[in-house]
């Protein structure tokens, strides 16, 4: 959260699953009147100044994955002498083509992101349960063995199969399986708790700002639907205190050195 000073540096809420080398894209802000493109901690950002409020927008991470949900951090300053309420539903995003809005992009509320995380945790629990059951079944069968030997006599030779059971080997296998299962379960629970805590800490929610107070958090929305060669651009609009901040962003590949 941002209170009494800008702390625009929240980490992205969701973990990124990548395979191989993934090229990230960058945000390029297109300032209008009463706006200024700046840099915050090496990151591009934009300041939009109105009479009653100031808005600051920047990406939540140093790279935007193509096709993934963009995540931005929005901070708002109350420059009036009265309380102003910022509502999460008053932050909207529209896809742009040639600078004109063509379709709204869904902005995810805190509650929606929490439900998604809860669903992910249920799926993870099922997968962990299946893996733990397989470990336990394999351990239960450990310790049994078959050995073969060749017996020779005046009548010829024959193969003899001897079966046996080693309680020690079985106990070691079951102890290893129990340890591995506990590690898997604890890791899944800890990851879920961390993700929930990150959502609670970082995602923007309804908030009343007192005079001279900053507030902000992460805004997560659907990526623009484009085909090869189409422009990836969108407008983040913040309606607060009777004022409207429109922030235009182009998402593109980083410039080559």
C-alpha atoms as a PDB file:
ATOM      1  CA  UNK A   1       0.000   0.000   0.000  1.00  0.00           C
ATOM      2  CA  UNK A   2       1.047   3.606  -0.496  1.00  0.00           C
ATOM      3  CA  UNK A   3       0.448   5.850   2.519  1.00  0.00           C
ATOM      4  CA  UNK A   4       2.179   9.195   3.270  1.00  0.00           C
ATOM      5  CA  UNK A   5       4.642   8.852   0.440  1.00  0.00           C
ATOM      6  CA  UNK A   6       4.919   6.964  -2.796  1.00  0.00           C
ATOM      7  CA  UNK A   7       6.094   3.392  -2.586  1.00  0.00           C
ATOM      8  CA  UNK A   8       5.598   2.388  -6.205  1.00  0.00           C
ATOM      9  CA  UNK A   9       7.594  -0.784  -6.148  1.00  0.00           C
ATOM     10  CA  UNK A  10       5.216  -3.642  -5.361  1.00  0.00           C
ATOM     11  CA  UNK A  11       6.131  -7.042  -6.634  1.00  0.00           C
ATOM     12  CA  UNK A  12       3.931  -8.836  -9.125  1.00  0.00           C
ATOM     13  CA  UNK A  13       1.186 -10.992  -7.389  1.00  0.00           C
ATOM     14  CA  UNK A  14       1.296 -14.008  -9.385  1.00  0.00           C
ATOM     15  CA  UNK A  15       4.267 -16.255 -10.067  1.00  0.00           C
ATOM     16  CA  UNK A  16       5.317 -16.422 -13.729  1.00  0.00           C
ATOM     17  CA  UNK A  17       5.634 -19.896 -15.230  1.00  0.00           C
ATOM     18  CA  UNK A  18       8.117 -19.840 -18.116  1.00  0.00           C
ATOM     19  CA  UNK A  19       9.600 -22.433 -20.411  1.00  0.00           C
ATOM     20  CA  UNK A  20      12.833 -21.641 -22.175  1.00  0.00           C
ATOM     21  CA  UNK A  21      13.694 -18.076 -23.073  1.00  0.00           C
ATOM     22  CA  UNK A  22      10.750 -15.667 -22.942  1.00  0.00           C
ATOM     23  CA  UNK A  23      11.171 -12.188 -24.409  1.00  0.00           C
ATOM     24  CA  UNK A  24       9.599  -9.515 -22.240  1.00  0.00           C
ATOM     25  CA  UNK A  25       8.129  -6.235 -23.405  1.00  0.00           C
ATOM     26  CA  UNK A  26       8.288  -2.763 -21.915  1.00  0.00           C
ATOM     27  CA  UNK A  27       5.758   0.010 -21.309  1.00  0.00           C
ATOM     28  CA  UNK A  28       6.111   3.309 -23.126  1.00  0.00           C
ATOM     29  CA  UNK A  29       3.904   6.087 -21.785  1.00  0.00           C
ATOM     30  CA  UNK A  30       2.412   8.710 -24.082  1.00  0.00           C
ATOM     31  CA  UNK A  31       1.893  11.849 -21.961  1.00  0.00           C
ATOM     32  CA  UNK A  32      -0.887  14.357 -22.622  1.00  0.00           C
ATOM     33  CA  UNK A  33      -1.540  17.826 -21.214  1.00  0.00           C
ATOM     34  CA  UNK A  34      -0.855  18.002 -17.461  1.00  0.00           C
ATOM     35  CA  UNK A  35       1.105  14.746 -17.674  1.00  0.00           C
ATOM     36  CA  UNK A  36       4.809  13.966 -17.539  1.00  0.00           C
ATOM     37  CA  UNK A  37       6.692  10.770 -18.384  1.00  0.00           C
ATOM     38  CA  UNK A  38       9.322  10.121 -15.734  1.00  0.00           C
ATOM     39  CA  UNK A  39      11.560   7.316 -14.444  1.00  0.00           C
ATOM     40  CA  UNK A  40      11.147   5.755 -10.986  1.00  0.00           C
ATOM     41  CA  UNK A  41      13.863   3.379  -9.781  1.00  0.00           C
ATOM     42  CA  UNK A  42      14.869   2.650 -13.364  1.00  0.00           C
ATOM     43  CA  UNK A  43      11.264   2.038 -14.404  1.00  0.00           C
ATOM     44  CA  UNK A  44       9.171   4.146 -16.793  1.00  0.00           C
ATOM     45  CA  UNK A  45       6.290   5.937 -15.073  1.00  0.00           C
ATOM     46  CA  UNK A  46       3.820   8.708 -15.706  1.00  0.00           C
ATOM     47  CA  UNK A  47       2.543  11.512 -13.467  1.00  0.00           C
ATOM     48  CA  UNK A  48      -0.884  13.005 -14.211  1.00  0.00           C
ATOM     49  CA  UNK A  49      -1.723  16.229 -12.347  1.00  0.00           C
ATOM     50  CA  UNK A  50      -5.215  17.623 -11.854  1.00  0.00           C
ATOM     51  CA  UNK A  51      -6.584  20.304  -9.548  1.00  0.00           C
ATOM     52  CA  UNK A  52      -7.670  17.959  -6.748  1.00  0.00           C
ATOM     53  CA  UNK A  53      -5.631  14.816  -7.347  1.00  0.00           C
ATOM     54  CA  UNK A  54      -2.339  13.531  -8.707  1.00  0.00           C
ATOM     55  CA  UNK A  55      -1.996  10.045 -10.206  1.00  0.00           C
ATOM     56  CA  UNK A  56       1.232   8.107 -10.679  1.00  0.00           C
ATOM     57  CA  UNK A  57       1.278   4.955 -12.842  1.00  0.00           C
ATOM     58  CA  UNK A  58       4.099   2.488 -13.504  1.00  0.00           C
ATOM     59  CA  UNK A  59       4.511  -1.220 -14.359  1.00  0.00           C
ATOM     60  CA  UNK A  60       4.704  -3.543 -11.349  1.00  0.00           C
ATOM     61  CA  UNK A  61       7.711  -5.381 -12.821  1.00  0.00           C
ATOM     62  CA  UNK A  62      10.613  -4.609 -15.120  1.00  0.00           C
ATOM     63  CA  UNK A  63       9.199  -6.654 -17.967  1.00  0.00           C
ATOM     64  CA  UNK A  64       5.732  -7.430 -19.348  1.00  0.00           C
ATOM     65  CA  UNK A  65       5.226 -10.939 -20.689  1.00  0.00           C
ATOM     66  CA  UNK A  66       3.575 -11.025 -24.131  1.00  0.00           C
ATOM     67  CA  UNK A  67       0.087 -12.484 -23.817  1.00  0.00           C
ATOM     68  CA  UNK A  68       0.082 -12.359 -20.010  1.00  0.00           C
ATOM     69  CA  UNK A  69      -2.027 -10.066 -17.854  1.00  0.00           C
ATOM     70  CA  UNK A  70      -0.313  -6.697 -17.478  1.00  0.00           C
ATOM     71  CA  UNK A  71       0.136  -5.563 -13.879  1.00  0.00           C
ATOM     72  CA  UNK A  72       0.542  -1.865 -13.062  1.00  0.00           C
ATOM     73  CA  UNK A  73       0.877   0.024  -9.819  1.00  0.00           C
ATOM     74  CA  UNK A  74      -1.391   3.058  -9.499  1.00  0.00           C
ATOM     75  CA  UNK A  75      -0.855   5.697  -6.822  1.00  0.00           C
ATOM     76  CA  UNK A  76      -3.208   8.634  -6.155  1.00  0.00           C
ATOM     77  CA  UNK A  77      -2.573  11.750  -4.057  1.00  0.00           C
ATOM     78  CA  UNK A  78      -5.367  13.769  -2.426  1.00  0.00           C
ATOM     79  CA  UNK A  79      -4.388  17.424  -2.862  1.00  0.00           C
ATOM     80  CA  UNK A  80      -7.601  18.808  -1.316  1.00  0.00           C
ATOM     81  CA  UNK A  81      -8.566  19.704   2.228  1.00  0.00           C
ATOM     82  CA  UNK A  82     -11.292  17.037   2.360  1.00  0.00           C
ATOM     83  CA  UNK A  83     -11.430  13.239   2.234  1.00  0.00           C
ATOM     84  CA  UNK A  84     -11.626  11.601  -1.205  1.00  0.00           C
ATOM     85  CA  UNK A  85     -12.560   7.960  -1.823  1.00  0.00           C
ATOM     86  CA  UNK A  86     -10.822   5.955  -4.523  1.00  0.00           C
ATOM     87  CA  UNK A  87     -12.898   2.971  -5.630  1.00  0.00           C
ATOM     88  CA  UNK A  88     -11.260   0.046  -7.392  1.00  0.00           C
ATOM     89  CA  UNK A  89     -14.174  -0.197  -9.845  1.00  0.00           C
ATOM     90  CA  UNK A  90     -13.448   3.372 -10.989  1.00  0.00           C
ATOM     91  CA  UNK A  91     -10.143   2.251 -12.519  1.00  0.00           C
ATOM     92  CA  UNK A  92     -10.817   0.987 -16.049  1.00  0.00           C
ATOM     93  CA  UNK A  93      -8.696  -0.086 -19.026  1.00  0.00           C
ATOM     94  CA  UNK A  94      -9.473   0.097 -22.751  1.00  0.00           C
ATOM     95  CA  UNK A  95      -7.555  -1.269 -25.700  1.00  0.00           C
ATOM     96  CA  UNK A  96      -6.465   1.382 -28.203  1.00  0.00           C
ATOM     97  CA  UNK A  97      -6.049   1.200 -31.952  1.00  0.00           C
ATOM     98  CA  UNK A  98      -4.494   4.301 -33.531  1.00  0.00           C
ATOM     99  CA  UNK A  99      -5.072   6.155 -30.278  1.00  0.00           C
ATOM    100  CA  UNK A 100      -8.799   5.397 -30.129  1.00  0.00           C
ATOM    101  CA  UNK A 101     -10.481   3.047 -27.625  1.00  0.00           C
ATOM    102  CA  UNK A 102     -11.917  -0.044 -29.328  1.00  0.00           C
ATOM    103  CA  UNK A 103     -12.818  -2.407 -26.468  1.00  0.00           C
ATOM    104  CA  UNK A 104     -12.717  -2.569 -22.666  1.00  0.00           C
ATOM    105  CA  UNK A 105     -10.179  -4.857 -21.013  1.00  0.00           C
ATOM    106  CA  UNK A 106     -11.354  -6.610 -17.876  1.00  0.00           C
ATOM    107  CA  UNK A 107      -9.828  -5.283 -14.661  1.00  0.00           C
ATOM    108  CA  UNK A 108      -9.689  -7.928 -11.921  1.00  0.00           C
ATOM    109  CA  UNK A 109     -10.885  -7.008  -8.457  1.00  0.00           C
ATOM    110  CA  UNK A 110      -9.162  -8.161  -5.285  1.00  0.00           C
ATOM    111  CA  UNK A 111     -12.030 -10.578  -4.637  1.00  0.00           C
ATOM    112  CA  UNK A 112     -11.729 -12.132  -8.115  1.00  0.00           C
ATOM    113  CA  UNK A 113      -7.985 -12.617  -7.737  1.00  0.00           C
ATOM    114  CA  UNK A 114      -8.523 -14.241  -4.337  1.00  0.00           C
ATOM    115  CA  UNK A 115     -11.056 -16.679  -5.831  1.00  0.00           C
ATOM    116  CA  UNK A 116      -8.591 -17.559  -8.610  1.00  0.00           C
ATOM    117  CA  UNK A 117      -5.878 -18.236  -6.032  1.00  0.00           C
ATOM    118  CA  UNK A 118      -8.242 -20.386  -3.982  1.00  0.00           C
ATOM    119  CA  UNK A 119      -9.083 -22.439  -7.090  1.00  0.00           C
ATOM    120  CA  UNK A 120      -5.373 -22.817  -7.860  1.00  0.00           C
ATOM    121  CA  UNK A 121      -4.755 -24.056  -4.334  1.00  0.00           C
ATOM    122  CA  UNK A 122      -7.524 -26.667  -4.631  1.00  0.00           C
ATOM    123  CA  UNK A 123      -6.002 -27.990  -7.883  1.00  0.00           C
ATOM    124  CA  UNK A 124      -2.545 -28.004  -6.293  1.00  0.00           C
ATOM    125  CA  UNK A 125      -3.884 -29.916  -3.275  1.00  0.00           C
ATOM    126  CA  UNK A 126      -5.356 -32.593  -5.555  1.00  0.00           C
ATOM    127  CA  UNK A 127      -2.093 -32.997  -7.472  1.00  0.00           C
ATOM    128  CA  UNK A 128      -0.060 -33.119  -4.263  1.00  0.00           C
ATOM    129  CA  UNK A 129      -2.462 -35.729  -2.875  1.00  0.00           C
ATOM    130  CA  UNK A 130      -2.042 -37.917  -5.949  1.00  0.00           C
ATOM    131  CA  UNK A 131       1.749 -37.644  -5.748  1.00  0.00           C
ATOM    132  CA  UNK A 132       1.737 -38.377  -2.003  1.00  0.00           C
ATOM    133  CA  UNK A 133      -0.464 -41.444  -2.532  1.00  0.00           C
ATOM    134  CA  UNK A 134       1.883 -42.761  -5.206  1.00  0.00           C
ATOM    135  CA  UNK A 135       4.863 -42.243  -2.876  1.00  0.00           C
ATOM    136  CA  UNK A 136       3.098 -44.049  -0.025  1.00  0.00           C
ATOM    137  CA  UNK A 137       2.064 -46.987  -2.252  1.00  0.00           C
ATOM    138  CA  UNK A 138       5.591 -47.418  -3.576  1.00  0.00           C
ATOM    139  CA  UNK A 139       6.993 -47.296  -0.034  1.00  0.00           C
ATOM    140  CA  UNK A 140       4.489 -49.892   1.210  1.00  0.00           C
ATOM    141  CA  UNK A 141       5.757 -52.365  -1.375  1.00  0.00           C
ATOM    142  CA  UNK A 142       9.399 -51.683  -0.637  1.00  0.00           C
ATOM    143  CA  UNK A 143      11.436 -54.366   1.128  1.00  0.00           C
ATOM    144  CA  UNK A 144      10.136 -57.277  -0.892  1.00  0.00           C
ATOM    145  CA  UNK A 145      12.713 -58.890  -3.140  1.00  0.00           C
ATOM    146  CA  UNK A 146      13.320 -61.832  -5.422  1.00  0.00           C
ATOM    147  CA  UNK A 147      16.718 -63.362  -5.987  1.00  0.00           C
ATOM    148  CA  UNK A 148      17.751 -66.011  -8.478  1.00  0.00           C
ATOM    149  CA  UNK A 149      20.472 -68.585  -8.315  1.00  0.00           C
ATOM    150  CA  UNK A 150      21.700 -71.412 -10.482  1.00  0.00           C
ATOM    151  CA  UNK A 151      21.760 -74.905  -8.959  1.00  0.00           C
ATOM    152  CA  UNK A 152      23.879 -77.642 -10.557  1.00  0.00           C
ATOM    153  CA  UNK A 153      23.535 -81.395 -10.046  1.00  0.00           C
ATOM    154  CA  UNK A 154      24.304 -84.624 -11.825  1.00  0.00           C
ATOM    155  CA  UNK A 155      20.979 -84.194 -13.604  1.00  0.00           C
ATOM    156  CA  UNK A 156      21.848 -80.781 -14.934  1.00  0.00           C
ATOM    157  CA  UNK A 157      21.202 -77.243 -13.700  1.00  0.00           C
ATOM    158  CA  UNK A 158      18.133 -75.288 -12.723  1.00  0.00           C
ATOM    159  CA  UNK A 159      17.275 -71.709 -11.825  1.00  0.00           C
ATOM    160  CA  UNK A 160      15.944 -71.226  -8.315  1.00  0.00           C
ATOM    161  CA  UNK A 161      13.971 -68.087  -7.381  1.00  0.00           C
ATOM    162  CA  UNK A 162      14.035 -67.081  -3.746  1.00  0.00           C
ATOM    163  CA  UNK A 163      11.581 -64.478  -2.375  1.00  0.00           C
ATOM    164  CA  UNK A 164      12.086 -62.520   0.790  1.00  0.00           C
ATOM    165  CA  UNK A 165      11.230 -59.420   2.746  1.00  0.00           C
ATOM    166  CA  UNK A 166      13.491 -56.872   4.446  1.00  0.00           C
ATOM    167  CA  UNK A 167      11.772 -54.950   7.280  1.00  0.00           C
ATOM    168  CA  UNK A 168      14.704 -52.546   7.407  1.00  0.00           C
ATOM    169  CA  UNK A 169      14.452 -51.642   3.717  1.00  0.00           C
ATOM    170  CA  UNK A 170      10.693 -51.198   4.078  1.00  0.00           C
ATOM    171  CA  UNK A 171      11.074 -48.930   7.109  1.00  0.00           C
ATOM    172  CA  UNK A 172      13.658 -46.750   5.319  1.00  0.00           C
ATOM    173  CA  UNK A 173      11.452 -46.439   2.212  1.00  0.00           C
ATOM    174  CA  UNK A 174       8.394 -45.489   4.261  1.00  0.00           C
ATOM    175  CA  UNK A 175      10.372 -42.913   6.269  1.00  0.00           C
ATOM    176  CA  UNK A 176      11.679 -41.358   3.047  1.00  0.00           C
ATOM    177  CA  UNK A 177       8.179 -41.265   1.550  1.00  0.00           C
ATOM    178  CA  UNK A 178       6.741 -39.642   4.681  1.00  0.00           C
ATOM    179  CA  UNK A 179       9.453 -36.973   4.612  1.00  0.00           C
ATOM    180  CA  UNK A 180       8.959 -36.263   0.903  1.00  0.00           C
ATOM    181  CA  UNK A 181       5.175 -36.066   1.303  1.00  0.00           C
ATOM    182  CA  UNK A 182       5.472 -33.691   4.252  1.00  0.00           C
ATOM    183  CA  UNK A 183       7.831 -31.471   2.250  1.00  0.00           C
ATOM    184  CA  UNK A 184       5.440 -31.378  -0.722  1.00  0.00           C
ATOM    185  CA  UNK A 185       2.437 -30.543   1.442  1.00  0.00           C
ATOM    186  CA  UNK A 186       4.257 -27.896   3.493  1.00  0.00           C
ATOM    187  CA  UNK A 187       5.626 -26.262   0.337  1.00  0.00           C
ATOM    188  CA  UNK A 188       2.154 -26.098  -1.251  1.00  0.00           C
ATOM    189  CA  UNK A 189       0.599 -24.641   1.908  1.00  0.00           C
ATOM    190  CA  UNK A 190       3.388 -22.078   2.334  1.00  0.00           C
ATOM    191  CA  UNK A 191       3.167 -20.988  -1.306  1.00  0.00           C
ATOM    192  CA  UNK A 192      -0.593 -20.553  -0.995  1.00  0.00           C
ATOM    193  CA  UNK A 193      -0.226 -18.461   2.158  1.00  0.00           C
ATOM    194  CA  UNK A 194       2.412 -16.281   0.491  1.00  0.00           C
ATOM    195  CA  UNK A 195       0.210 -15.698  -2.558  1.00  0.00           C
ATOM    196  CA  UNK A 196      -2.775 -14.759  -0.388  1.00  0.00           C
ATOM    197  CA  UNK A 197      -0.638 -12.378   1.658  1.00  0.00           C
ATOM    198  CA  UNK A 198       0.703 -10.759  -1.525  1.00  0.00           C
ATOM    199  CA  UNK A 199      -2.829 -10.173  -2.821  1.00  0.00           C
ATOM    200  CA  UNK A 200      -3.893  -8.648   0.491  1.00  0.00           C
ATOM    201  CA  UNK A 201      -0.814  -6.430   0.600  1.00  0.00           C
ATOM    202  CA  UNK A 202      -0.482  -5.346  -3.037  1.00  0.00           C
ATOM    203  CA  UNK A 203      -3.798  -5.301  -4.931  1.00  0.00           C
ATOM    204  CA  UNK A 204      -5.668  -1.999  -4.949  1.00  0.00           C
ATOM    205  CA  UNK A 205      -8.953  -1.824  -3.036  1.00  0.00           C
ATOM    206  CA  UNK A 206     -11.542   0.825  -2.134  1.00  0.00           C
ATOM    207  CA  UNK A 207      -9.918   3.384   0.136  1.00  0.00           C
ATOM    208  CA  UNK A 208     -10.703   6.828   1.536  1.00  0.00           C
ATOM    209  CA  UNK A 209      -7.713   9.181   1.339  1.00  0.00           C
ATOM    210  CA  UNK A 210      -7.449  11.905   3.914  1.00  0.00           C
ATOM    211  CA  UNK A 211      -6.094  15.358   2.895  1.00  0.00           C
ATOM    212  CA  UNK A 212      -2.453  15.132   1.826  1.00  0.00           C
ATOM    213  CA  UNK A 213      -2.472  11.309   1.695  1.00  0.00           C
ATOM    214  CA  UNK A 214      -1.189   8.941  -0.983  1.00  0.00           C
ATOM    215  CA  UNK A 215      -2.808   5.577  -1.602  1.00  0.00           C
ATOM    216  CA  UNK A 216      -2.323   2.927  -4.264  1.00  0.00           C
ATOM    217  CA  UNK A 217      -1.708  -0.655  -5.246  1.00  0.00           C
ATOM    218  CA  UNK A 218      -1.604  -3.092  -8.131  1.00  0.00           C
ATOM    219  CA  UNK A 219      -4.093  -3.111 -11.016  1.00  0.00           C
ATOM    220  CA  UNK A 220      -4.342  -6.383 -12.987  1.00  0.00           C
ATOM    221  CA  UNK A 221      -6.183  -6.592 -16.316  1.00  0.00           C
ATOM    222  CA  UNK A 222      -6.570  -8.742 -19.409  1.00  0.00           C
ATOM    223  CA  UNK A 223      -3.965  -8.319 -22.167  1.00  0.00           C
ATOM    224  CA  UNK A 224      -5.006  -6.652 -25.418  1.00  0.00           C
ATOM    225  CA  UNK A 225      -6.128  -9.123 -28.066  1.00  0.00           C
ATOM    226  CA  UNK A 226      -3.928  -8.529 -31.089  1.00  0.00           C
ATOM    227  CA  UNK A 227      -2.750 -10.361 -34.163  1.00  0.00           C
ATOM    228  CA  UNK A 228       0.777 -10.260 -35.527  1.00  0.00           C
ATOM    229  CA  UNK A 229       1.802  -6.707 -36.311  1.00  0.00           C
ATOM    230  CA  UNK A 230      -1.090  -5.062 -34.481  1.00  0.00           C
ATOM    231  CA  UNK A 231      -0.385  -2.321 -32.007  1.00  0.00           C
ATOM    232  CA  UNK A 232      -0.418  -3.251 -28.305  1.00  0.00           C
ATOM    233  CA  UNK A 233      -1.768  -0.143 -26.681  1.00  0.00           C
ATOM    234  CA  UNK A 234      -4.244   0.599 -23.920  1.00  0.00           C
ATOM    235  CA  UNK A 235      -5.582   3.425 -21.786  1.00  0.00           C
ATOM    236  CA  UNK A 236      -5.689   3.194 -18.001  1.00  0.00           C
ATOM    237  CA  UNK A 237      -8.357   5.571 -16.695  1.00  0.00           C
ATOM    238  CA  UNK A 238      -8.564   6.610 -13.042  1.00  0.00           C
ATOM    239  CA  UNK A 239     -11.753   8.393 -11.974  1.00  0.00           C
ATOM    240  CA  UNK A 240     -11.285   9.913  -8.525  1.00  0.00           C
ATOM    241  CA  UNK A 241     -12.489  13.037  -6.736  1.00  0.00           C
ATOM    242  CA  UNK A 242     -14.567  14.084  -9.747  1.00  0.00           C
ATOM    243  CA  UNK A 243     -11.442  14.122 -11.936  1.00  0.00           C
ATOM    244  CA  UNK A 244     -10.394  11.812 -14.754  1.00  0.00           C
ATOM    245  CA  UNK A 245      -6.802  10.725 -15.364  1.00  0.00           C
ATOM    246  CA  UNK A 246      -6.292   9.026 -18.744  1.00  0.00           C
ATOM    247  CA  UNK A 247      -2.929   7.285 -19.092  1.00  0.00           C
ATOM    248  CA  UNK A 248      -2.060   5.939 -22.554  1.00  0.00           C
ATOM    249  CA  UNK A 249       0.497   3.121 -22.728  1.00  0.00           C
ATOM    250  CA  UNK A 250       2.145   1.335 -25.646  1.00  0.00           C
ATOM    251  CA  UNK A 251       3.453  -2.149 -24.800  1.00  0.00           C
ATOM    252  CA  UNK A 252       6.300  -3.059 -27.094  1.00  0.00           C
ATOM    253  CA  UNK A 253       9.596  -4.875 -27.434  1.00  0.00           C
ATOM    254  CA  UNK A 254      12.530  -3.098 -25.758  1.00  0.00           C
ATOM    255  CA  UNK A 255      14.682  -0.925 -27.973  1.00  0.00           C
ATOM    256  CA  UNK A 256      17.850  -2.619 -29.198  1.00  0.00           C
ATOM    257  CA  UNK A 257      21.126  -1.095 -28.110  1.00  0.00           C
END
